[in-house]
Amino acid sequence: MEETSFKELEALIRLMDEPDQEVYAQISTKIFSYGLDAIPVLESNWEKSFDDLIQKRSLDLIHDIQFQNTYVELNNWAHFQFTDLLKGYILISKYNYPDMNVSKIEKKVNSIIQDVWLEINNDLTGLEKVKVINHIFFDVNKFRGNKKNFYSPDNFFINNVLDTKLGNPLSLGLLYLIVCQSLKIPIYGINLPNHFILAYLDSASIHKNEELQDSDVLFYLNPFNRGAVFTKNEIDLYLKQLKLVPNESFYNPANHMVIMHRLLKDLIFSYNKIGYKDKVAELKKLLQTIS
């Protein structure tokens, strides 16, 4: 930031105790226009001040700027970078953890990818490859389903999943999917109601210029149950238990946009369940970027 702009920003921040709400609205709008450059100055102002009003206003502005940045980045991802599933997942996780160390996340994910790559080869069958992946994912790295706090929002964010090794079907499935697709292993996500599963596809079908269908699926996997393999019949029984009419989308591979849409919808449900209305409203705004 240029010195002149920096001095102007500092001057504006010194006015954050302005009692007139209309005047302060103009001040905050101007500070907001500085974007991410304003955050270090606001953080310093928050740390030095003992005034409750200034501290609250500083934190609110920091949050608003970070949220706007996440909104813009997610919108750009949806339009130009949607093939990068890891990036999309990180961006949604940054909603709740805007200061997360992205390099650290990528390093941990790449370490899992490397572990799988060292153990796998093209001569293995699909089932044999999945057995290797499951061993690395669930035995070596100790990932498992969080059955005690299944609906907790913490289960959704990639940094939490990597740190605690706990997740829900969607977060574990997403991480599993990212690892496999990085290694060109033909595993895709299935947007099943109240669940998220994976499908191993016939590699030959992926190269045809047609939309992927359930007939291309060799078998399905349950990431919440240590990658257990099952068939279409189990999905039929599951839908019957839920009294749902079968739909193609319950069997067919979902694209990245559909998966990110599911992630945001499930997060909205989770936060709504515990009464976090502000977060629900913000996540609905993020949902608009990929709808």
C-alpha atoms as a PDB file:
ATOM      1  CA  MET A   1       0.000   0.000   0.000  1.00  0.00           C
ATOM      2  CA  GLU A   2       1.280   3.483  -0.865  1.00  0.00           C
ATOM      3  CA  GLU A   3       2.281   5.715   2.051  1.00  0.00           C
ATOM      4  CA  THR A   4      -0.441   8.265   1.264  1.00  0.00           C
ATOM      5  CA  SER A   5      -3.146   5.590   1.243  1.00  0.00           C
ATOM      6  CA  PHE A   6      -1.756   4.069   4.439  1.00  0.00           C
ATOM      7  CA  LYS A   7      -1.897   7.416   6.237  1.00  0.00           C
ATOM      8  CA  GLU A   8      -5.462   7.972   5.010  1.00  0.00           C
ATOM      9  CA  LEU A   9      -6.450   4.543   6.299  1.00  0.00           C
ATOM     10  CA  GLU A  10      -4.890   5.229   9.688  1.00  0.00           C
ATOM     11  CA  ALA A  11      -6.719   8.544   9.864  1.00  0.00           C
ATOM     12  CA  LEU A  12     -10.018   6.838   9.114  1.00  0.00           C
ATOM     13  CA  ILE A  13      -9.405   4.180  11.743  1.00  0.00           C
ATOM     14  CA  ARG A  14      -8.756   6.869  14.353  1.00  0.00           C
ATOM     15  CA  LEU A  15     -12.352   7.986  13.732  1.00  0.00           C
ATOM     16  CA  MET A  16     -13.855   4.598  14.580  1.00  0.00           C
ATOM     17  CA  ASP A  17     -15.251   5.885  17.880  1.00  0.00           C
ATOM     18  CA  GLU A  18     -17.556   8.235  15.961  1.00  0.00           C
ATOM     19  CA  PRO A  19     -20.873   8.280  17.907  1.00  0.00           C
ATOM     20  CA  ASP A  20     -23.055   9.311  14.972  1.00  0.00           C
ATOM     21  CA  GLN A  21     -24.142   6.079  13.214  1.00  0.00           C
ATOM     22  CA  GLU A  22     -24.652   7.708   9.804  1.00  0.00           C
ATOM     23  CA  VAL A  23     -21.218   9.327   9.886  1.00  0.00           C
ATOM     24  CA  TYR A  24     -19.625   6.081  11.065  1.00  0.00           C
ATOM     25  CA  ALA A  25     -21.362   4.204   8.228  1.00  0.00           C
ATOM     26  CA  GLN A  26     -19.485   6.426   5.759  1.00  0.00           C
ATOM     27  CA  ILE A  27     -16.205   5.911   7.627  1.00  0.00           C
ATOM     28  CA  SER A  28     -16.604   2.128   7.723  1.00  0.00           C
ATOM     29  CA  THR A  29     -17.526   2.012   4.027  1.00  0.00           C
ATOM     30  CA  LYS A  30     -14.338   3.880   3.185  1.00  0.00           C
ATOM     31  CA  ILE A  31     -12.228   1.565   5.370  1.00  0.00           C
ATOM     32  CA  PHE A  32     -13.950  -1.449   3.802  1.00  0.00           C
ATOM     33  CA  SER A  33     -12.920  -0.208   0.343  1.00  0.00           C
ATOM     34  CA  TYR A  34      -9.262  -0.839   1.247  1.00  0.00           C
ATOM     35  CA  GLY A  35     -10.017  -4.565   1.320  1.00  0.00           C
ATOM     36  CA  LEU A  36      -7.441  -6.962   2.765  1.00  0.00           C
ATOM     37  CA  ASP A  37      -4.898  -4.134   3.124  1.00  0.00           C
ATOM     38  CA  ALA A  38      -7.012  -2.717   5.946  1.00  0.00           C
ATOM     39  CA  ILE A  39      -6.950  -5.878   8.063  1.00  0.00           C
ATOM     40  CA  PRO A  40      -3.438  -5.568   9.625  1.00  0.00           C
ATOM     41  CA  VAL A  41      -4.184  -1.961  10.630  1.00  0.00           C
ATOM     42  CA  LEU A  42      -7.586  -2.930  12.038  1.00  0.00           C
ATOM     43  CA  GLU A  43      -6.038  -5.816  13.964  1.00  0.00           C
ATOM     44  CA  SER A  44      -3.430  -3.490  15.433  1.00  0.00           C
ATOM     45  CA  ASN A  45      -6.182  -1.023  16.357  1.00  0.00           C
ATOM     46  CA  TRP A  46      -8.159  -3.803  18.050  1.00  0.00           C
ATOM     47  CA  GLU A  47      -5.134  -4.967  20.058  1.00  0.00           C
ATOM     48  CA  LYS A  48      -4.189  -1.472  21.267  1.00  0.00           C
ATOM     49  CA  SER A  49      -7.647  -0.187  22.117  1.00  0.00           C
ATOM     50  CA  PHE A  50      -9.457  -0.757  25.405  1.00  0.00           C
ATOM     51  CA  ASP A  51     -12.669   0.770  24.092  1.00  0.00           C
ATOM     52  CA  ASP A  52     -15.388  -1.883  23.660  1.00  0.00           C
ATOM     53  CA  LEU A  53     -17.022   0.001  20.781  1.00  0.00           C
ATOM     54  CA  ILE A  54     -13.778   0.344  18.823  1.00  0.00           C
ATOM     55  CA  GLN A  55     -12.900  -3.304  19.423  1.00  0.00           C
ATOM     56  CA  LYS A  56     -16.322  -4.479  18.240  1.00  0.00           C
ATOM     57  CA  ARG A  57     -16.266  -2.252  15.176  1.00  0.00           C
ATOM     58  CA  SER A  58     -12.728  -3.394  14.311  1.00  0.00           C
ATOM     59  CA  LEU A  59     -13.687  -7.070  14.546  1.00  0.00           C
ATOM     60  CA  ASP A  60     -16.888  -6.523  12.549  1.00  0.00           C
ATOM     61  CA  LEU A  61     -14.990  -4.774   9.766  1.00  0.00           C
ATOM     62  CA  ILE A  62     -12.305  -7.476   9.684  1.00  0.00           C
ATOM     63  CA  HIS A  63     -15.003 -10.123   9.368  1.00  0.00           C
ATOM     64  CA  ASP A  64     -16.869  -8.200   6.649  1.00  0.00           C
ATOM     65  CA  ILE A  65     -13.695  -7.720   4.597  1.00  0.00           C
ATOM     66  CA  GLN A  66     -12.679 -11.372   4.945  1.00  0.00           C
ATOM     67  CA  PHE A  67     -16.166 -12.541   4.019  1.00  0.00           C
ATOM     68  CA  GLN A  68     -16.226 -10.336   0.929  1.00  0.00           C
ATOM     69  CA  ASN A  69     -12.836 -11.704  -0.111  1.00  0.00           C
ATOM     70  CA  THR A  70     -14.081 -15.297   0.295  1.00  0.00           C
ATOM     71  CA  TYR A  71     -17.208 -14.438  -1.705  1.00  0.00           C
ATOM     72  CA  VAL A  72     -15.157 -12.998  -4.578  1.00  0.00           C
ATOM     73  CA  GLU A  73     -12.653 -15.885  -4.577  1.00  0.00           C
ATOM     74  CA  LEU A  74     -15.407 -18.520  -4.516  1.00  0.00           C
ATOM     75  CA  ASN A  75     -17.202 -16.746  -7.342  1.00  0.00           C
ATOM     76  CA  ASN A  76     -13.975 -16.764  -9.375  1.00  0.00           C
ATOM     77  CA  TRP A  77     -13.490 -20.455  -8.584  1.00  0.00           C
ATOM     78  CA  ALA A  78     -17.017 -21.255  -9.769  1.00  0.00           C
ATOM     79  CA  HIS A  79     -16.450 -19.478 -13.072  1.00  0.00           C
ATOM     80  CA  PHE A  80     -12.808 -20.220 -13.865  1.00  0.00           C
ATOM     81  CA  GLN A  81     -11.243 -22.814 -11.509  1.00  0.00           C
ATOM     82  CA  PHE A  82     -14.000 -25.321 -10.755  1.00  0.00           C
ATOM     83  CA  THR A  83     -11.852 -28.238 -11.930  1.00  0.00           C
ATOM     84  CA  ASP A  84      -9.677 -27.693  -8.829  1.00  0.00           C
ATOM     85  CA  LEU A  85     -11.737 -29.424  -6.130  1.00  0.00           C
ATOM     86  CA  LEU A  86      -9.158 -28.856  -3.386  1.00  0.00           C
ATOM     87  CA  LYS A  87      -9.157 -25.112  -4.001  1.00  0.00           C
ATOM     88  CA  GLY A  88     -12.956 -24.974  -3.806  1.00  0.00           C
ATOM     89  CA  TYR A  89     -12.935 -26.943  -0.562  1.00  0.00           C
ATOM     90  CA  ILE A  90     -10.261 -24.681   0.939  1.00  0.00           C
ATOM     91  CA  LEU A  91     -12.187 -21.543  -0.044  1.00  0.00           C
ATOM     92  CA  ILE A  92     -15.363 -22.721   1.681  1.00  0.00           C
ATOM     93  CA  SER A  93     -13.332 -23.720   4.739  1.00  0.00           C
ATOM     94  CA  LYS A  94     -11.786 -20.237   4.775  1.00  0.00           C
ATOM     95  CA  TYR A  95     -15.253 -18.849   5.420  1.00  0.00           C
ATOM     96  CA  ASN A  96     -14.917 -20.010   9.026  1.00  0.00           C
ATOM     97  CA  TYR A  97     -11.107 -19.942   9.178  1.00  0.00           C
ATOM     98  CA  PRO A  98     -10.038 -16.938   7.057  1.00  0.00           C
ATOM     99  CA  ASP A  99      -6.496 -17.007   8.451  1.00  0.00           C
ATOM    100  CA  MET A 100      -5.902 -20.699   7.777  1.00  0.00           C
ATOM    101  CA  ASN A 101      -2.481 -21.644   6.468  1.00  0.00           C
ATOM    102  CA  VAL A 102      -3.306 -22.813   2.939  1.00  0.00           C
ATOM    103  CA  SER A 103       0.246 -24.033   2.278  1.00  0.00           C
ATOM    104  CA  LYS A 104       0.058 -26.227   5.379  1.00  0.00           C
ATOM    105  CA  ILE A 105      -3.250 -27.709   4.195  1.00  0.00           C
ATOM    106  CA  GLU A 106      -1.874 -28.405   0.718  1.00  0.00           C
ATOM    107  CA  LYS A 107       1.253 -29.982   2.204  1.00  0.00           C
ATOM    108  CA  LYS A 108      -0.804 -32.383   4.333  1.00  0.00           C
ATOM    109  CA  VAL A 109      -3.019 -33.358   1.400  1.00  0.00           C
ATOM    110  CA  ASN A 110      -0.012 -33.834  -0.874  1.00  0.00           C
ATOM    111  CA  SER A 111       1.575 -36.075   1.764  1.00  0.00           C
ATOM    112  CA  ILE A 112      -1.463 -38.395   1.634  1.00  0.00           C
ATOM    113  CA  ILE A 113      -1.375 -38.339  -2.165  1.00  0.00           C
ATOM    114  CA  GLN A 114       2.324 -39.235  -2.084  1.00  0.00           C
ATOM    115  CA  ASP A 115       1.697 -42.127   0.321  1.00  0.00           C
ATOM    116  CA  VAL A 116      -0.953 -43.581  -2.002  1.00  0.00           C
ATOM    117  CA  TRP A 117       1.176 -43.018  -5.109  1.00  0.00           C
ATOM    118  CA  LEU A 118       4.051 -44.997  -3.581  1.00  0.00           C
ATOM    119  CA  GLU A 119       1.827 -48.023  -2.950  1.00  0.00           C
ATOM    120  CA  ILE A 120      -0.303 -48.108  -6.082  1.00  0.00           C
ATOM    121  CA  ASN A 121       0.343 -49.136  -9.689  1.00  0.00           C
ATOM    122  CA  ASN A 122      -1.619 -49.500 -12.918  1.00  0.00           C
ATOM    123  CA  ASP A 123      -1.510 -53.296 -12.824  1.00  0.00           C
ATOM    124  CA  LEU A 124      -3.884 -53.400  -9.860  1.00  0.00           C
ATOM    125  CA  THR A 125      -7.612 -53.897 -10.324  1.00  0.00           C
ATOM    126  CA  GLY A 126     -10.072 -51.272  -9.133  1.00  0.00           C
ATOM    127  CA  LEU A 127     -10.817 -53.215  -5.966  1.00  0.00           C
ATOM    128  CA  GLU A 128      -7.109 -53.690  -5.279  1.00  0.00           C
ATOM    129  CA  LYS A 129      -6.470 -49.962  -5.723  1.00  0.00           C
ATOM    130  CA  VAL A 130      -9.276 -49.111  -3.312  1.00  0.00           C
ATOM    131  CA  LYS A 131      -7.847 -51.549  -0.778  1.00  0.00           C
ATOM    132  CA  VAL A 132      -4.525 -49.669  -0.944  1.00  0.00           C
ATOM    133  CA  ILE A 133      -6.198 -46.264  -0.683  1.00  0.00           C
ATOM    134  CA  ASN A 134      -8.314 -47.406   2.270  1.00  0.00           C
ATOM    135  CA  HIS A 135      -5.206 -48.675   4.048  1.00  0.00           C
ATOM    136  CA  ILE A 136      -3.387 -45.339   3.613  1.00  0.00           C
ATOM    137  CA  PHE A 137      -6.448 -43.265   4.390  1.00  0.00           C
ATOM    138  CA  PHE A 138      -7.963 -45.143   7.323  1.00  0.00           C
ATOM    139  CA  ASP A 139      -5.157 -47.280   8.771  1.00  0.00           C
ATOM    140  CA  VAL A 140      -2.055 -45.152   8.231  1.00  0.00           C
ATOM    141  CA  ASN A 141      -3.614 -41.671   8.507  1.00  0.00           C
ATOM    142  CA  LYS A 142      -6.354 -42.773  10.948  1.00  0.00           C
ATOM    143  CA  PHE A 143      -9.261 -40.884   9.343  1.00  0.00           C
ATOM    144  CA  ARG A 144     -12.642 -41.930  10.722  1.00  0.00           C
ATOM    145  CA  GLY A 145     -16.236 -40.838  10.962  1.00  0.00           C
ATOM    146  CA  ASN A 146     -17.215 -38.516  13.795  1.00  0.00           C
ATOM    147  CA  LYS A 147     -20.219 -40.411  15.103  1.00  0.00           C
ATOM    148  CA  LYS A 148     -20.396 -38.582  18.448  1.00  0.00           C
ATOM    149  CA  ASN A 149     -20.770 -35.087  16.962  1.00  0.00           C
ATOM    150  CA  PHE A 150     -22.115 -35.975  13.541  1.00  0.00           C
ATOM    151  CA  TYR A 151     -23.895 -32.650  12.900  1.00  0.00           C
ATOM    152  CA  SER A 152     -21.160 -30.353  14.207  1.00  0.00           C
ATOM    153  CA  PRO A 153     -20.072 -27.694  11.660  1.00  0.00           C
ATOM    154  CA  ASP A 154     -16.460 -28.460  12.615  1.00  0.00           C
ATOM    155  CA  ASN A 155     -16.782 -31.758  10.721  1.00  0.00           C
ATOM    156  CA  PHE A 156     -17.024 -29.923   7.415  1.00  0.00           C
ATOM    157  CA  PHE A 157     -13.852 -27.817   7.316  1.00  0.00           C
ATOM    158  CA  ILE A 158     -10.744 -29.324   5.737  1.00  0.00           C
ATOM    159  CA  ASN A 159      -8.302 -27.975   8.336  1.00  0.00           C
ATOM    160  CA  ASN A 160     -10.303 -29.593  11.149  1.00  0.00           C
ATOM    161  CA  VAL A 161     -10.571 -32.897   9.289  1.00  0.00           C
ATOM    162  CA  LEU A 162      -6.821 -32.993   8.676  1.00  0.00           C
ATOM    163  CA  ASP A 163      -5.991 -32.010  12.277  1.00  0.00           C
ATOM    164  CA  THR A 164      -8.479 -34.190  14.159  1.00  0.00           C
ATOM    165  CA  LYS A 165      -8.770 -37.023  11.594  1.00  0.00           C
ATOM    166  CA  LEU A 166     -12.537 -36.833  12.167  1.00  0.00           C
ATOM    167  CA  GLY A 167     -15.203 -35.968   9.625  1.00  0.00           C
ATOM    168  CA  ASN A 168     -18.651 -36.651   8.269  1.00  0.00           C
ATOM    169  CA  PRO A 169     -19.487 -38.561   5.061  1.00  0.00           C
ATOM    170  CA  LEU A 170     -19.112 -35.439   2.918  1.00  0.00           C
ATOM    171  CA  SER A 171     -15.829 -34.120   4.322  1.00  0.00           C
ATOM    172  CA  LEU A 172     -14.183 -37.556   4.399  1.00  0.00           C
ATOM    173  CA  GLY A 173     -15.541 -38.274   0.924  1.00  0.00           C
ATOM    174  CA  LEU A 174     -14.240 -34.956  -0.392  1.00  0.00           C
ATOM    175  CA  LEU A 175     -10.741 -35.571   0.936  1.00  0.00           C
ATOM    176  CA  TYR A 176     -10.760 -39.147  -0.392  1.00  0.00           C
ATOM    177  CA  LEU A 177     -11.979 -37.840  -3.743  1.00  0.00           C
ATOM    178  CA  ILE A 178      -9.291 -35.144  -3.953  1.00  0.00           C
ATOM    179  CA  VAL A 179      -6.577 -37.735  -3.304  1.00  0.00           C
ATOM    180  CA  CYS A 180      -7.924 -40.130  -5.942  1.00  0.00           C
ATOM    181  CA  GLN A 181      -8.544 -37.563  -8.653  1.00  0.00           C
ATOM    182  CA  SER A 182      -5.051 -36.126  -8.136  1.00  0.00           C
ATOM    183  CA  LEU A 183      -3.735 -39.584  -9.056  1.00  0.00           C
ATOM    184  CA  LYS A 184      -6.167 -40.032 -11.986  1.00  0.00           C
ATOM    185  CA  ILE A 185      -7.961 -42.847 -10.162  1.00  0.00           C
ATOM    186  CA  PRO A 186     -11.529 -42.917 -11.581  1.00  0.00           C
ATOM    187  CA  ILE A 187     -13.407 -42.259  -8.347  1.00  0.00           C
ATOM    188  CA  TYR A 188     -16.263 -39.741  -8.301  1.00  0.00           C
ATOM    189  CA  GLY A 189     -18.694 -38.324  -5.756  1.00  0.00           C
ATOM    190  CA  ILE A 190     -22.343 -39.384  -5.549  1.00  0.00           C
ATOM    191  CA  ASN A 191     -24.814 -36.855  -4.148  1.00  0.00           C
ATOM    192  CA  LEU A 192     -26.981 -39.281  -2.192  1.00  0.00           C
ATOM    193  CA  PRO A 193     -29.720 -37.809   0.085  1.00  0.00           C
ATOM    194  CA  ASN A 194     -28.570 -37.541   3.734  1.00  0.00           C
ATOM    195  CA  HIS A 195     -25.319 -39.200   2.760  1.00  0.00           C
ATOM    196  CA  PHE A 196     -22.340 -38.789   0.459  1.00  0.00           C
ATOM    197  CA  ILE A 197     -20.732 -41.778  -1.175  1.00  0.00           C
ATOM    198  CA  LEU A 198     -18.160 -42.466  -3.874  1.00  0.00           C
ATOM    199  CA  ALA A 199     -18.192 -44.495  -7.069  1.00  0.00           C
ATOM    200  CA  TYR A 200     -15.380 -46.297  -8.873  1.00  0.00           C
ATOM    201  CA  LEU A 201     -15.947 -45.980 -12.608  1.00  0.00           C
ATOM    202  CA  ASP A 202     -14.896 -48.047 -15.566  1.00  0.00           C
ATOM    203  CA  SER A 203     -11.870 -46.063 -16.780  1.00  0.00           C
ATOM    204  CA  ALA A 204     -12.856 -46.610 -20.417  1.00  0.00           C
ATOM    205  CA  SER A 205     -16.178 -44.812 -19.878  1.00  0.00           C
ATOM    206  CA  ILE A 206     -14.458 -41.641 -18.659  1.00  0.00           C
ATOM    207  CA  HIS A 207     -12.941 -40.967 -22.083  1.00  0.00           C
ATOM    208  CA  LYS A 208     -16.175 -41.180 -24.013  1.00  0.00           C
ATOM    209  CA  ASN A 209     -17.816 -37.890 -24.937  1.00  0.00           C
ATOM    210  CA  GLU A 210     -20.996 -38.599 -23.001  1.00  0.00           C
ATOM    211  CA  GLU A 211     -22.343 -37.787 -19.571  1.00  0.00           C
ATOM    212  CA  LEU A 212     -21.278 -40.354 -16.970  1.00  0.00           C
ATOM    213  CA  GLN A 213     -24.065 -42.656 -15.786  1.00  0.00           C
ATOM    214  CA  ASP A 214     -24.609 -45.346 -13.171  1.00  0.00           C
ATOM    215  CA  SER A 215     -23.972 -47.977 -15.860  1.00  0.00           C
ATOM    216  CA  ASP A 216     -20.355 -46.736 -15.911  1.00  0.00           C
ATOM    217  CA  VAL A 217     -19.975 -47.485 -12.184  1.00  0.00           C
ATOM    218  CA  LEU A 218     -18.129 -50.668 -11.253  1.00  0.00           C
ATOM    219  CA  PHE A 219     -18.870 -50.363  -7.522  1.00  0.00           C
ATOM    220  CA  TYR A 220     -19.597 -47.824  -4.788  1.00  0.00           C
ATOM    221  CA  LEU A 221     -17.679 -46.884  -1.621  1.00  0.00           C
ATOM    222  CA  ASN A 222     -18.758 -45.536   1.762  1.00  0.00           C
ATOM    223  CA  PRO A 223     -16.090 -43.092   3.058  1.00  0.00           C
ATOM    224  CA  PHE A 224     -17.857 -42.881   6.434  1.00  0.00           C
ATOM    225  CA  ASN A 225     -17.436 -46.642   6.876  1.00  0.00           C
ATOM    226  CA  ARG A 226     -13.712 -46.959   6.141  1.00  0.00           C
ATOM    227  CA  GLY A 227     -14.250 -47.072   2.378  1.00  0.00           C
ATOM    228  CA  ALA A 228     -16.483 -50.162   2.469  1.00  0.00           C
ATOM    229  CA  VAL A 229     -17.408 -51.373  -1.021  1.00  0.00           C
ATOM    230  CA  PHE A 230     -21.028 -52.037  -2.023  1.00  0.00           C
ATOM    231  CA  THR A 231     -23.316 -52.240  -5.054  1.00  0.00           C
ATOM    232  CA  LYS A 232     -26.277 -50.394  -6.526  1.00  0.00           C
ATOM    233  CA  ASN A 233     -28.629 -52.768  -4.702  1.00  0.00           C
ATOM    234  CA  GLU A 234     -27.606 -51.245  -1.359  1.00  0.00           C
ATOM    235  CA  ILE A 235     -28.513 -47.776  -2.652  1.00  0.00           C
ATOM    236  CA  ASP A 236     -31.909 -49.117  -3.705  1.00  0.00           C
ATOM    237  CA  LEU A 237     -32.489 -50.488  -0.207  1.00  0.00           C
ATOM    238  CA  TYR A 238     -31.271 -47.255   1.394  1.00  0.00           C
ATOM    239  CA  LEU A 239     -33.692 -45.157  -0.684  1.00  0.00           C
ATOM    240  CA  LYS A 240     -36.498 -47.576   0.120  1.00  0.00           C
ATOM    241  CA  GLN A 241     -35.826 -47.126   3.851  1.00  0.00           C
ATOM    242  CA  LEU A 242     -36.011 -43.351   3.407  1.00  0.00           C
ATOM    243  CA  LYS A 243     -39.171 -43.783   1.308  1.00  0.00           C
ATOM    244  CA  LEU A 244     -37.589 -41.833  -1.541  1.00  0.00           C
ATOM    245  CA  VAL A 245     -38.281 -42.331  -5.240  1.00  0.00           C
ATOM    246  CA  PRO A 246     -35.033 -43.296  -7.019  1.00  0.00           C
ATOM    247  CA  ASN A 247     -33.484 -40.535  -9.077  1.00  0.00           C
ATOM    248  CA  GLU A 248     -30.589 -40.680 -11.547  1.00  0.00           C
ATOM    249  CA  SER A 249     -28.612 -38.179  -9.455  1.00  0.00           C
ATOM    250  CA  PHE A 250     -28.601 -40.681  -6.563  1.00  0.00           C
ATOM    251  CA  TYR A 251     -26.523 -43.112  -8.641  1.00  0.00           C
ATOM    252  CA  ASN A 252     -24.631 -40.947 -11.156  1.00  0.00           C
ATOM    253  CA  PRO A 253     -21.323 -39.110 -10.594  1.00  0.00           C
ATOM    254  CA  ALA A 254     -21.737 -35.498  -9.456  1.00  0.00           C
ATOM    255  CA  ASN A 255     -19.584 -32.670 -10.808  1.00  0.00           C
ATOM    256  CA  HIS A 256     -17.542 -30.360  -8.582  1.00  0.00           C
ATOM    257  CA  MET A 257     -20.124 -27.598  -8.596  1.00  0.00           C
ATOM    258  CA  VAL A 258     -22.810 -29.975  -7.329  1.00  0.00           C
ATOM    259  CA  ILE A 259     -20.499 -31.213  -4.567  1.00  0.00           C
ATOM    260  CA  MET A 260     -19.603 -27.678  -3.417  1.00  0.00           C
ATOM    261  CA  HIS A 261     -23.289 -26.771  -3.526  1.00  0.00           C
ATOM    262  CA  ARG A 262     -23.987 -29.796  -1.301  1.00  0.00           C
ATOM    263  CA  LEU A 263     -21.203 -28.737   1.089  1.00  0.00           C
ATOM    264  CA  LEU A 264     -22.684 -25.265   1.542  1.00  0.00           C
ATOM    265  CA  LYS A 265     -26.238 -26.595   1.892  1.00  0.00           C
ATOM    266  CA  ASP A 266     -25.145 -29.073   4.575  1.00  0.00           C
ATOM    267  CA  LEU A 267     -23.213 -26.347   6.393  1.00  0.00           C
ATOM    268  CA  ILE A 268     -26.313 -24.153   6.344  1.00  0.00           C
ATOM    269  CA  PHE A 269     -28.336 -27.014   7.819  1.00  0.00           C
ATOM    270  CA  SER A 270     -25.702 -27.619  10.494  1.00  0.00           C
ATOM    271  CA  TYR A 271     -25.468 -23.970  11.588  1.00  0.00           C
ATOM    272  CA  ASN A 272     -29.238 -23.578  11.453  1.00  0.00           C
ATOM    273  CA  LYS A 273     -29.542 -26.584  13.760  1.00  0.00           C
ATOM    274  CA  ILE A 274     -27.488 -24.831  16.466  1.00  0.00           C
ATOM    275  CA  GLY A 275     -29.092 -21.420  15.937  1.00  0.00           C
ATOM    276  CA  TYR A 276     -26.279 -19.488  14.202  1.00  0.00           C
ATOM    277  CA  LYS A 277     -28.569 -17.314  12.085  1.00  0.00           C
ATOM    278  CA  ASP A 278     -25.845 -14.852  11.005  1.00  0.00           C
ATOM    279  CA  LYS A 279     -23.699 -17.654   9.624  1.00  0.00           C
ATOM    280  CA  VAL A 280     -26.717 -19.174   7.879  1.00  0.00           C
ATOM    281  CA  ALA A 281     -27.400 -15.840   6.149  1.00  0.00           C
ATOM    282  CA  GLU A 282     -23.765 -15.484   5.041  1.00  0.00           C
ATOM    283  CA  LEU A 283     -23.525 -19.052   3.768  1.00  0.00           C
ATOM    284  CA  LYS A 284     -26.670 -18.509   1.737  1.00  0.00           C
ATOM    285  CA  LYS A 285     -24.886 -15.579   0.068  1.00  0.00           C
ATOM    286  CA  LEU A 286     -21.918 -17.843  -0.724  1.00  0.00           C
ATOM    287  CA  LEU A 287     -24.326 -20.414  -2.112  1.00  0.00           C
ATOM    288  CA  GLN A 288     -25.431 -17.848  -4.698  1.00  0.00           C
ATOM    289  CA  THR A 289     -21.935 -17.850  -6.212  1.00  0.00           C
ATOM    290  CA  ILE A 290     -22.264 -21.473  -7.341  1.00  0.00           C
ATOM    291  CA  SER A 291     -26.013 -21.723  -7.922  1.00  0.00           C
END
